[in-house]
């Protein structure tokens, strides 16, 4: 597989995984105050089974961490990724943080 780049498109509310300048997948989000609420993740059929989704979510979570924000994973894929990777548990906003 070619190199993959993940870019944040805040005006579109999503992170995109680019392979050879083509969108291979995306993780949609919306802002809730300072928190990032991940709502949907999708990988194009041509890229299924290549780890694109996991690499995309990892890069998005690292970006959120750099920004000092918290997340709410409404998207089942992001939720299960965090369940499997405890190093991202600290990014979860607690229920008492929700408005």
PDB file of N, CA and C in Angstrom:
ATOM      1  N   UNK A   1       0.849  -1.190   0.000  1.00  0.00           N
ATOM      2  CA  UNK A   1       0.000   0.000   0.000  1.00  0.00           C
ATOM      3  C   UNK A   1       0.884   1.238   0.000  1.00  0.00           C
ATOM      4  N   UNK A   2       0.445   2.267  -0.654  1.00  0.00           N
ATOM      5  CA  UNK A   2       1.154   3.535  -0.691  1.00  0.00           C
ATOM      6  C   UNK A   2       1.077   4.220   0.667  1.00  0.00           C
ATOM      7  N   UNK A   3       1.853   5.274   0.812  1.00  0.00           N
ATOM      8  CA  UNK A   3       1.843   6.036   2.060  1.00  0.00           C
ATOM      9  C   UNK A   3       0.469   6.662   2.277  1.00  0.00           C
ATOM     10  N   UNK A   4       0.088   6.734   3.537  1.00  0.00           N
ATOM     11  CA  UNK A   4      -1.196   7.321   3.892  1.00  0.00           C
ATOM     12  C   UNK A   4      -0.948   8.587   4.689  1.00  0.00           C
ATOM     13  N   UNK A   5      -1.742   9.595   4.413  1.00  0.00           N
ATOM     14  CA  UNK A   5      -1.675  10.855   5.142  1.00  0.00           C
ATOM     15  C   UNK A   5      -3.061  11.121   5.723  1.00  0.00           C
ATOM     16  N   UNK A   6      -3.103  11.633   6.949  1.00  0.00           N
ATOM     17  CA  UNK A   6      -4.380  11.999   7.570  1.00  0.00           C
ATOM     18  C   UNK A   6      -4.399  13.512   7.722  1.00  0.00           C
ATOM     19  N   UNK A   7      -5.460  14.123   7.214  1.00  0.00           N
ATOM     20  CA  UNK A   7      -5.613  15.574   7.310  1.00  0.00           C
ATOM     21  C   UNK A   7      -6.944  15.904   7.974  1.00  0.00           C
ATOM     22  N   UNK A   8      -6.908  16.964   8.773  1.00  0.00           N
ATOM     23  CA  UNK A   8      -8.119  17.451   9.416  1.00  0.00           C
ATOM     24  C   UNK A   8      -8.749  18.486   8.499  1.00  0.00           C
ATOM     25  N   UNK A   9     -10.028  18.302   8.223  1.00  0.00           N
ATOM     26  CA  UNK A   9     -10.800  19.252   7.418  1.00  0.00           C
ATOM     27  C   UNK A   9     -11.876  19.856   8.318  1.00  0.00           C
ATOM     28  N   UNK A  10     -11.499  20.815   9.179  1.00  0.00           N
ATOM     29  CA  UNK A  10     -12.460  21.326  10.167  1.00  0.00           C
ATOM     30  C   UNK A  10     -13.723  21.925   9.558  1.00  0.00           C
ATOM     31  N   UNK A  11     -13.615  22.539   8.385  1.00  0.00           N
ATOM     32  CA  UNK A  11     -14.815  23.136   7.768  1.00  0.00           C
ATOM     33  C   UNK A  11     -15.781  22.065   7.270  1.00  0.00           C
ATOM     34  N   UNK A  12     -15.268  20.858   7.043  1.00  0.00           N
ATOM     35  CA  UNK A  12     -16.117  19.740   6.637  1.00  0.00           C
ATOM     36  C   UNK A  12     -16.449  18.844   7.831  1.00  0.00           C
ATOM     37  N   UNK A  13     -15.817  19.104   8.983  1.00  0.00           N
ATOM     38  CA  UNK A  13     -16.074  18.309  10.175  1.00  0.00           C
ATOM     39  C   UNK A  13     -15.612  16.871  10.030  1.00  0.00           C
ATOM     40  N   UNK A  14     -14.409  16.694   9.478  1.00  0.00           N
ATOM     41  CA  UNK A  14     -13.920  15.333   9.349  1.00  0.00           C
ATOM     42  C   UNK A  14     -12.407  15.283   9.162  1.00  0.00           C
ATOM     43  N   UNK A  15     -11.867  14.161   9.564  1.00  0.00           N
ATOM     44  CA  UNK A  15     -10.484  13.812   9.257  1.00  0.00           C
ATOM     45  C   UNK A  15     -10.541  12.896   8.049  1.00  0.00           C
ATOM     46  N   UNK A  16      -9.629  13.100   7.105  1.00  0.00           N
ATOM     47  CA  UNK A  16      -9.594  12.268   5.911  1.00  0.00           C
ATOM     48  C   UNK A  16      -8.282  11.496   5.854  1.00  0.00           C
ATOM     49  N   UNK A  17      -8.379  10.226   5.468  1.00  0.00           N
ATOM     50  CA  UNK A  17      -7.213   9.403   5.190  1.00  0.00           C
ATOM     51  C   UNK A  17      -6.986   9.458   3.691  1.00  0.00           C
ATOM     52  N   UNK A  18      -5.832   9.969   3.292  1.00  0.00           N
ATOM     53  CA  UNK A  18      -5.518  10.109   1.872  1.00  0.00           C
ATOM     54  C   UNK A  18      -4.439   9.103   1.480  1.00  0.00           C
ATOM     55  N   UNK A  19      -4.706   8.362   0.429  1.00  0.00           N
ATOM     56  CA  UNK A  19      -3.735   7.438  -0.154  1.00  0.00           C
ATOM     57  C   UNK A  19      -3.582   7.857  -1.607  1.00  0.00           C
ATOM     58  N   UNK A  20      -2.380   8.225  -1.992  1.00  0.00           N
ATOM     59  CA  UNK A  20      -2.138   8.729  -3.355  1.00  0.00           C
ATOM     60  C   UNK A  20      -3.101   9.872  -3.691  1.00  0.00           C
ATOM     61  N   UNK A  21      -3.287  10.765  -2.722  1.00  0.00           N
ATOM     62  CA  UNK A  21      -4.158  11.943  -2.870  1.00  0.00           C
ATOM     63  C   UNK A  21      -5.633  11.608  -3.097  1.00  0.00           C
ATOM     64  N   UNK A  22      -6.020  10.375  -2.819  1.00  0.00           N
ATOM     65  CA  UNK A  22      -7.435   9.984  -2.912  1.00  0.00           C
ATOM     66  C   UNK A  22      -7.957   9.730  -1.501  1.00  0.00           C
ATOM     67  N   UNK A  23      -9.207  10.084  -1.281  1.00  0.00           N
ATOM     68  CA  UNK A  23      -9.809   9.850   0.030  1.00  0.00           C
ATOM     69  C   UNK A  23     -10.100   8.356   0.176  1.00  0.00           C
ATOM     70  N   UNK A  24      -9.361   7.726   1.089  1.00  0.00           N
ATOM     71  CA  UNK A  24      -9.527   6.295   1.333  1.00  0.00           C
ATOM     72  C   UNK A  24     -10.496   6.047   2.485  1.00  0.00           C
ATOM     73  N   UNK A  25     -10.686   7.060   3.314  1.00  0.00           N
ATOM     74  CA  UNK A  25     -11.594   6.938   4.441  1.00  0.00           C
ATOM     75  C   UNK A  25     -11.726   8.271   5.142  1.00  0.00           C
ATOM     76  N   UNK A  26     -12.700   8.341   6.043  1.00  0.00           N
ATOM     77  CA  UNK A  26     -12.882   9.574   6.811  1.00  0.00           C
ATOM     78  C   UNK A  26     -13.519   9.262   8.154  1.00  0.00           C
ATOM     79  N   UNK A  27     -13.259  10.153   9.099  1.00  0.00           N
ATOM     80  CA  UNK A  27     -13.876  10.085  10.424  1.00  0.00           C
ATOM     81  C   UNK A  27     -14.573  11.425  10.637  1.00  0.00           C
ATOM     82  N   UNK A  28     -15.901  11.397  10.651  1.00  0.00           N
ATOM     83  CA  UNK A  28     -16.676  12.627  10.818  1.00  0.00           C
ATOM     84  C   UNK A  28     -16.789  12.978  12.293  1.00  0.00           C
ATOM     85  N   UNK A  29     -16.837  14.288  12.539  1.00  0.00           N
ATOM     86  CA  UNK A  29     -16.995  14.758  13.915  1.00  0.00           C
ATOM     87  C   UNK A  29     -17.751  16.077  13.917  1.00  0.00           C
ATOM     88  N   UNK A  30     -18.218  16.425  15.098  1.00  0.00           N
ATOM     89  CA  UNK A  30     -18.781  17.757  15.317  1.00  0.00           C
ATOM     90  C   UNK A  30     -18.198  18.262  16.622  1.00  0.00           C
ATOM     91  N   UNK A  31     -18.124  19.546  16.745  1.00  0.00           N
ATOM     92  CA  UNK A  31     -17.610  20.139  17.969  1.00  0.00           C
ATOM     93  C   UNK A  31     -18.762  20.335  18.955  1.00  0.00           C
ATOM     94  N   UNK A  32     -18.489  20.073  20.211  1.00  0.00           N
ATOM     95  CA  UNK A  32     -19.436  20.327  21.296  1.00  0.00           C
ATOM     96  C   UNK A  32     -18.658  21.137  22.317  1.00  0.00           C
ATOM     97  N   UNK A  33     -18.726  22.451  22.176  1.00  0.00           N
ATOM     98  CA  UNK A  33     -17.854  23.309  22.978  1.00  0.00           C
ATOM     99  C   UNK A  33     -16.426  23.069  22.528  1.00  0.00           C
ATOM    100  N   UNK A  34     -15.572  22.688  23.458  1.00  0.00           N
ATOM    101  CA  UNK A  34     -14.177  22.382  23.140  1.00  0.00           C
ATOM    102  C   UNK A  34     -13.968  20.905  22.836  1.00  0.00           C
ATOM    103  N   UNK A  35     -14.995  20.098  23.019  1.00  0.00           N
ATOM    104  CA  UNK A  35     -14.879  18.653  22.826  1.00  0.00           C
ATOM    105  C   UNK A  35     -15.171  18.246  21.389  1.00  0.00           C
ATOM    106  N   UNK A  36     -14.539  17.154  20.977  1.00  0.00           N
ATOM    107  CA  UNK A  36     -14.729  16.598  19.634  1.00  0.00           C
ATOM    108  C   UNK A  36     -15.615  15.361  19.762  1.00  0.00           C
ATOM    109  N   UNK A  37     -16.752  15.373  19.087  1.00  0.00           N
ATOM    110  CA  UNK A  37     -17.692  14.251  19.122  1.00  0.00           C
ATOM    111  C   UNK A  37     -17.581  13.518  17.791  1.00  0.00           C
ATOM    112  N   UNK A  38     -16.992  12.311  17.833  1.00  0.00           N
ATOM    113  CA  UNK A  38     -16.853  11.515  16.612  1.00  0.00           C
ATOM    114  C   UNK A  38     -18.180  10.808  16.346  1.00  0.00           C
ATOM    115  N   UNK A  39     -18.717  11.000  15.130  1.00  0.00           N
ATOM    116  CA  UNK A  39     -20.059  10.501  14.823  1.00  0.00           C
ATOM    117  C   UNK A  39     -20.082   9.347  13.818  1.00  0.00           C
ATOM    118  N   UNK A  40     -19.074   9.270  12.940  1.00  0.00           N
ATOM    119  CA  UNK A  40     -19.125   8.246  11.898  1.00  0.00           C
ATOM    120  C   UNK A  40     -17.739   8.073  11.290  1.00  0.00           C
ATOM    121  N   UNK A  41     -17.359   6.830  11.048  1.00  0.00           N
ATOM    122  CA  UNK A  41     -16.099   6.526  10.357  1.00  0.00           C
ATOM    123  C   UNK A  41     -16.412   5.594   9.208  1.00  0.00           C
ATOM    124  N   UNK A  42     -15.786   5.864   8.083  1.00  0.00           N
ATOM    125  CA  UNK A  42     -16.043   5.053   6.887  1.00  0.00           C
ATOM    126  C   UNK A  42     -14.753   4.881   6.097  1.00  0.00           C
ATOM    127  N   UNK A  43     -14.550   3.683   5.568  1.00  0.00           N
ATOM    128  CA  UNK A  43     -13.410   3.398   4.703  1.00  0.00           C
ATOM    129  C   UNK A  43     -13.962   2.940   3.353  1.00  0.00           C
ATOM    130  N   UNK A  44     -13.404   3.473   2.275  1.00  0.00           N
ATOM    131  CA  UNK A  44     -13.838   3.096   0.927  1.00  0.00           C
ATOM    132  C   UNK A  44     -13.613   1.601   0.709  1.00  0.00           C
ATOM    133  N   UNK A  45     -14.526   0.982  -0.024  1.00  0.00           N
ATOM    134  CA  UNK A  45     -14.451  -0.463  -0.272  1.00  0.00           C
ATOM    135  C   UNK A  45     -13.087  -0.908  -0.786  1.00  0.00           C
ATOM    136  N   UNK A  46     -12.487  -0.126  -1.649  1.00  0.00           N
ATOM    137  CA  UNK A  46     -11.194  -0.494  -2.239  1.00  0.00           C
ATOM    138  C   UNK A  46     -10.067  -0.575  -1.213  1.00  0.00           C
ATOM    139  N   UNK A  47     -10.285   0.020  -0.031  1.00  0.00           N
ATOM    140  CA  UNK A  47      -9.243   0.064   0.994  1.00  0.00           C
ATOM    141  C   UNK A  47      -9.586  -0.753   2.234  1.00  0.00           C
ATOM    142  N   UNK A  48     -10.717  -1.454   2.203  1.00  0.00           N
ATOM    143  CA  UNK A  48     -11.127  -2.280   3.339  1.00  0.00           C
ATOM    144  C   UNK A  48     -10.057  -3.321   3.665  1.00  0.00           C
ATOM    145  N   UNK A  49      -9.897  -3.607   4.947  1.00  0.00           N
ATOM    146  CA  UNK A  49      -9.000  -4.668   5.378  1.00  0.00           C
ATOM    147  C   UNK A  49      -7.531  -4.326   5.325  1.00  0.00           C
ATOM    148  N   UNK A  50      -7.205  -3.050   5.143  1.00  0.00           N
ATOM    149  CA  UNK A  50      -5.808  -2.639   5.059  1.00  0.00           C
ATOM    150  C   UNK A  50      -5.364  -1.809   6.265  1.00  0.00           C
ATOM    151  N   UNK A  51      -6.213  -1.725   7.277  1.00  0.00           N
ATOM    152  CA  UNK A  51      -5.854  -0.973   8.478  1.00  0.00           C
ATOM    153  C   UNK A  51      -6.039   0.529   8.354  1.00  0.00           C
ATOM    154  N   UNK A  52      -6.704   0.966   7.294  1.00  0.00           N
ATOM    155  CA  UNK A  52      -6.913   2.401   7.075  1.00  0.00           C
ATOM    156  C   UNK A  52      -7.718   3.016   8.222  1.00  0.00           C
ATOM    157  N   UNK A  53      -8.800   2.357   8.605  1.00  0.00           N
ATOM    158  CA  UNK A  53      -9.662   2.902   9.659  1.00  0.00           C
ATOM    159  C   UNK A  53      -8.911   3.078  10.963  1.00  0.00           C
ATOM    160  N   UNK A  54      -8.155   2.083  11.362  1.00  0.00           N
ATOM    161  CA  UNK A  54      -7.400   2.169  12.618  1.00  0.00           C
ATOM    162  C   UNK A  54      -6.335   3.255  12.557  1.00  0.00           C
ATOM    163  N   UNK A  55      -5.628   3.334  11.452  1.00  0.00           N
ATOM    164  CA  UNK A  55      -4.591   4.362  11.317  1.00  0.00           C
ATOM    165  C   UNK A  55      -5.206   5.760  11.278  1.00  0.00           C
ATOM    166  N   UNK A  56      -6.368   5.872  10.645  1.00  0.00           N
ATOM    167  CA  UNK A  56      -7.085   7.137  10.590  1.00  0.00           C
ATOM    168  C   UNK A  56      -7.504   7.583  11.987  1.00  0.00           C
ATOM    169  N   UNK A  57      -8.123   6.683  12.726  1.00  0.00           N
ATOM    170  CA  UNK A  57      -8.600   7.032  14.066  1.00  0.00           C
ATOM    171  C   UNK A  57      -7.427   7.349  14.985  1.00  0.00           C
ATOM    172  N   UNK A  58      -6.365   6.573  14.920  1.00  0.00           N
ATOM    173  CA  UNK A  58      -5.187   6.846  15.752  1.00  0.00           C
ATOM    174  C   UNK A  58      -4.647   8.253  15.466  1.00  0.00           C
ATOM    175  N   UNK A  59      -4.518   8.617  14.202  1.00  0.00           N
ATOM    176  CA  UNK A  59      -4.011   9.951  13.847  1.00  0.00           C
ATOM    177  C   UNK A  59      -4.961  11.049  14.323  1.00  0.00           C
ATOM    178  N   UNK A  60      -6.263  10.824  14.183  1.00  0.00           N
ATOM    179  CA  UNK A  60      -7.252  11.807  14.638  1.00  0.00           C
ATOM    180  C   UNK A  60      -7.165  11.988  16.152  1.00  0.00           C
ATOM    181  N   UNK A  61      -7.053  10.878  16.885  1.00  0.00           N
ATOM    182  CA  UNK A  61      -6.962  10.964  18.348  1.00  0.00           C
ATOM    183  C   UNK A  61      -5.671  11.660  18.778  1.00  0.00           C
ATOM    184  N   UNK A  62      -4.592  11.401  18.079  1.00  0.00           N
ATOM    185  CA  UNK A  62      -3.332  12.085  18.391  1.00  0.00           C
ATOM    186  C   UNK A  62      -3.459  13.590  18.143  1.00  0.00           C
ATOM    187  N   UNK A  63      -4.165  13.971  17.090  1.00  0.00           N
ATOM    188  CA  UNK A  63      -4.382  15.383  16.806  1.00  0.00           C
ATOM    189  C   UNK A  63      -5.228  16.031  17.896  1.00  0.00           C
ATOM    190  N   UNK A  64      -6.275  15.344  18.318  1.00  0.00           N
ATOM    191  CA  UNK A  64      -7.127  15.853  19.403  1.00  0.00           C
ATOM    192  C   UNK A  64      -6.281  16.035  20.664  1.00  0.00           C
ATOM    193  N   UNK A  65      -5.421  15.074  20.952  1.00  0.00           N
ATOM    194  CA  UNK A  65      -4.554  15.165  22.133  1.00  0.00           C
ATOM    195  C   UNK A  65      -3.634  16.385  22.032  1.00  0.00           C
ATOM    196  N   UNK A  66      -3.037  16.607  20.866  1.00  0.00           N
ATOM    197  CA  UNK A  66      -2.148  17.772  20.675  1.00  0.00           C
ATOM    198  C   UNK A  66      -2.892  19.079  20.924  1.00  0.00           C
ATOM    199  N   UNK A  67      -4.170  19.090  20.595  1.00  0.00           N
ATOM    200  CA  UNK A  67      -4.985  20.298  20.785  1.00  0.00           C
ATOM    201  C   UNK A  67      -5.454  20.455  22.234  1.00  0.00           C
ATOM    202  N   UNK A  68      -5.232  19.440  23.060  1.00  0.00           N
ATOM    203  CA  UNK A  68      -5.663  19.504  24.456  1.00  0.00           C
ATOM    204  C   UNK A  68      -7.166  19.373  24.625  1.00  0.00           C
ATOM    205  N   UNK A  69      -7.812  18.704  23.693  1.00  0.00           N
ATOM    206  CA  UNK A  69      -9.272  18.531  23.742  1.00  0.00           C
ATOM    207  C   UNK A  69      -9.638  17.143  24.274  1.00  0.00           C
ATOM    208  N   UNK A  70     -10.924  16.966  24.544  1.00  0.00           N
ATOM    209  CA  UNK A  70     -11.473  15.677  24.955  1.00  0.00           C
ATOM    210  C   UNK A  70     -12.404  15.195  23.846  1.00  0.00           C
ATOM    211  N   UNK A  71     -12.763  13.918  23.905  1.00  0.00           N
ATOM    212  CA  UNK A  71     -13.643  13.377  22.864  1.00  0.00           C
ATOM    213  C   UNK A  71     -14.832  12.641  23.458  1.00  0.00           C
ATOM    214  N   UNK A  72     -15.844  12.507  22.617  1.00  0.00           N
ATOM    215  CA  UNK A  72     -16.965  11.610  22.889  1.00  0.00           C
ATOM    216  C   UNK A  72     -17.121  10.737  21.650  1.00  0.00           C
ATOM    217  N   UNK A  73     -16.922   9.422  21.792  1.00  0.00           N
ATOM    218  CA  UNK A  73     -16.983   8.533  20.632  1.00  0.00           C
ATOM    219  C   UNK A  73     -18.377   7.967  20.394  1.00  0.00           C
ATOM    220  N   UNK A  74     -19.236   8.712  19.719  1.00  0.00           N
ATOM    221  CA  UNK A  74     -20.554   8.182  19.361  1.00  0.00           C
ATOM    222  C   UNK A  74     -20.423   7.143  18.256  1.00  0.00           C
ATOM    223  N   UNK A  75     -19.390   7.270  17.435  1.00  0.00           N
ATOM    224  CA  UNK A  75     -19.133   6.312  16.360  1.00  0.00           C
ATOM    225  C   UNK A  75     -18.678   4.986  16.959  1.00  0.00           C
ATOM    226  N   UNK A  76     -19.353   3.879  16.622  1.00  0.00           N
ATOM    227  CA  UNK A  76     -18.970   2.569  17.182  1.00  0.00           C
ATOM    228  C   UNK A  76     -17.523   2.173  16.877  1.00  0.00           C
ATOM    229  N   UNK A  77     -17.010   2.544  15.714  1.00  0.00           N
ATOM    230  CA  UNK A  77     -15.637   2.181  15.366  1.00  0.00           C
ATOM    231  C   UNK A  77     -14.641   2.904  16.271  1.00  0.00           C
ATOM    232  N   UNK A  78     -14.841   4.206  16.474  1.00  0.00           N
ATOM    233  CA  UNK A  78     -13.954   4.974  17.358  1.00  0.00           C
ATOM    234  C   UNK A  78     -14.070   4.447  18.782  1.00  0.00           C
ATOM    235  N   UNK A  79     -15.292   4.157  19.206  1.00  0.00           N
ATOM    236  CA  UNK A  79     -15.513   3.628  20.557  1.00  0.00           C
ATOM    237  C   UNK A  79     -14.756   2.319  20.757  1.00  0.00           C
ATOM    238  N   UNK A  80     -14.868   1.398  19.821  1.00  0.00           N
ATOM    239  CA  UNK A  80     -14.193   0.107  19.968  1.00  0.00           C
ATOM    240  C   UNK A  80     -12.678   0.267  19.854  1.00  0.00           C
ATOM    241  N   UNK A  81     -12.210   1.222  19.057  1.00  0.00           N
ATOM    242  CA  UNK A  81     -10.768   1.469  18.958  1.00  0.00           C
ATOM    243  C   UNK A  81     -10.220   1.892  20.324  1.00  0.00           C
ATOM    244  N   UNK A  82     -10.920   2.794  20.979  1.00  0.00           N
ATOM    245  CA  UNK A  82     -10.476   3.263  22.300  1.00  0.00           C
ATOM    246  C   UNK A  82     -10.560   2.135  23.322  1.00  0.00           C
ATOM    247  N   UNK A  83     -11.574   1.294  23.227  1.00  0.00           N
ATOM    248  CA  UNK A  83     -11.666   0.135  24.121  1.00  0.00           C
ATOM    249  C   UNK A  83     -10.446  -0.778  23.970  1.00  0.00           C
ATOM    250  N   UNK A  84      -9.939  -0.913  22.750  1.00  0.00           N
ATOM    251  CA  UNK A  84      -8.793  -1.795  22.485  1.00  0.00           C
ATOM    252  C   UNK A  84      -7.449  -1.119  22.722  1.00  0.00           C
ATOM    253  N   UNK A  85      -7.433   0.205  22.834  1.00  0.00           N
ATOM    254  CA  UNK A  85      -6.183   0.954  22.994  1.00  0.00           C
ATOM    255  C   UNK A  85      -6.306   1.883  24.209  1.00  0.00           C
ATOM    256  N   UNK A  86      -5.970   1.331  25.366  1.00  0.00           N
ATOM    257  CA  UNK A  86      -6.162   2.035  26.639  1.00  0.00           C
ATOM    258  C   UNK A  86      -5.413   3.364  26.714  1.00  0.00           C
ATOM    259  N   UNK A  87      -4.385   3.532  25.887  1.00  0.00           N
ATOM    260  CA  UNK A  87      -3.616   4.778  25.940  1.00  0.00           C
ATOM    261  C   UNK A  87      -4.432   5.998  25.505  1.00  0.00           C
ATOM    262  N   UNK A  88      -5.639   5.763  24.980  1.00  0.00           N
ATOM    263  CA  UNK A  88      -6.495   6.887  24.582  1.00  0.00           C
ATOM    264  C   UNK A  88      -7.668   7.110  25.546  1.00  0.00           C
ATOM    265  N   UNK A  89      -7.763   6.304  26.587  1.00  0.00           N
ATOM    266  CA  UNK A  89      -8.858   6.448  27.563  1.00  0.00           C
ATOM    267  C   UNK A  89      -8.884   7.844  28.194  1.00  0.00           C
ATOM    268  N   UNK A  90      -7.702   8.440  28.360  1.00  0.00           N
ATOM    269  CA  UNK A  90      -7.640   9.761  28.999  1.00  0.00           C
ATOM    270  C   UNK A  90      -8.292  10.859  28.161  1.00  0.00           C
ATOM    271  N   UNK A  91      -8.540  10.591  26.896  1.00  0.00           N
ATOM    272  CA  UNK A  91      -9.175  11.595  26.039  1.00  0.00           C
ATOM    273  C   UNK A  91     -10.696  11.637  26.211  1.00  0.00           C
ATOM    274  N   UNK A  92     -11.263  10.601  26.794  1.00  0.00           N
ATOM    275  CA  UNK A  92     -12.713  10.533  26.946  1.00  0.00           C
ATOM    276  C   UNK A  92     -13.197  11.567  27.950  1.00  0.00           C
ATOM    277  N   UNK A  93     -14.206  12.320  27.540  1.00  0.00           N
ATOM    278  CA  UNK A  93     -14.786  13.236  28.511  1.00  0.00           C
ATOM    279  C   UNK A  93     -15.703  12.444  29.409  1.00  0.00           C
ATOM    280  N   UNK A  94     -15.739  12.819  30.668  1.00  0.00           N
ATOM    281  CA  UNK A  94     -16.590  12.099  31.606  1.00  0.00           C
ATOM    282  C   UNK A  94     -18.034  12.548  31.444  1.00  0.00           C
ATOM    283  N   UNK A  95     -18.931  11.750  31.954  1.00  0.00           N
ATOM    284  CA  UNK A  95     -20.353  12.106  31.856  1.00  0.00           C
ATOM    285  C   UNK A  95     -20.642  13.448  32.520  1.00  0.00           C
ATOM    286  N   UNK A  96     -19.916  13.770  33.587  1.00  0.00           N
ATOM    287  CA  UNK A  96     -20.152  15.031  34.277  1.00  0.00           C
ATOM    288  C   UNK A  96     -19.668  16.224  33.456  1.00  0.00           C
ATOM    289  N   UNK A  97     -18.804  15.976  32.427  1.00  0.00           N
ATOM    290  CA  UNK A  97     -18.333  17.059  31.556  1.00  0.00           C
ATOM    291  C   UNK A  97     -19.379  17.418  30.506  1.00  0.00           C
ATOM    292  N   UNK A  98     -20.343  16.552  30.259  1.00  0.00           N
ATOM    293  CA  UNK A  98     -21.334  16.784  29.196  1.00  0.00           C
ATOM    294  C   UNK A  98     -22.364  17.788  29.636  1.00  0.00           C
ATOM    295  N   UNK A  99     -22.762  18.594  28.687  1.00  0.00           N
ATOM    296  CA  UNK A  99     -23.767  19.630  29.013  1.00  0.00           C
ATOM    297  C   UNK A  99     -25.124  19.222  28.520  1.00  0.00           C
TER     298      UNK A  99
END
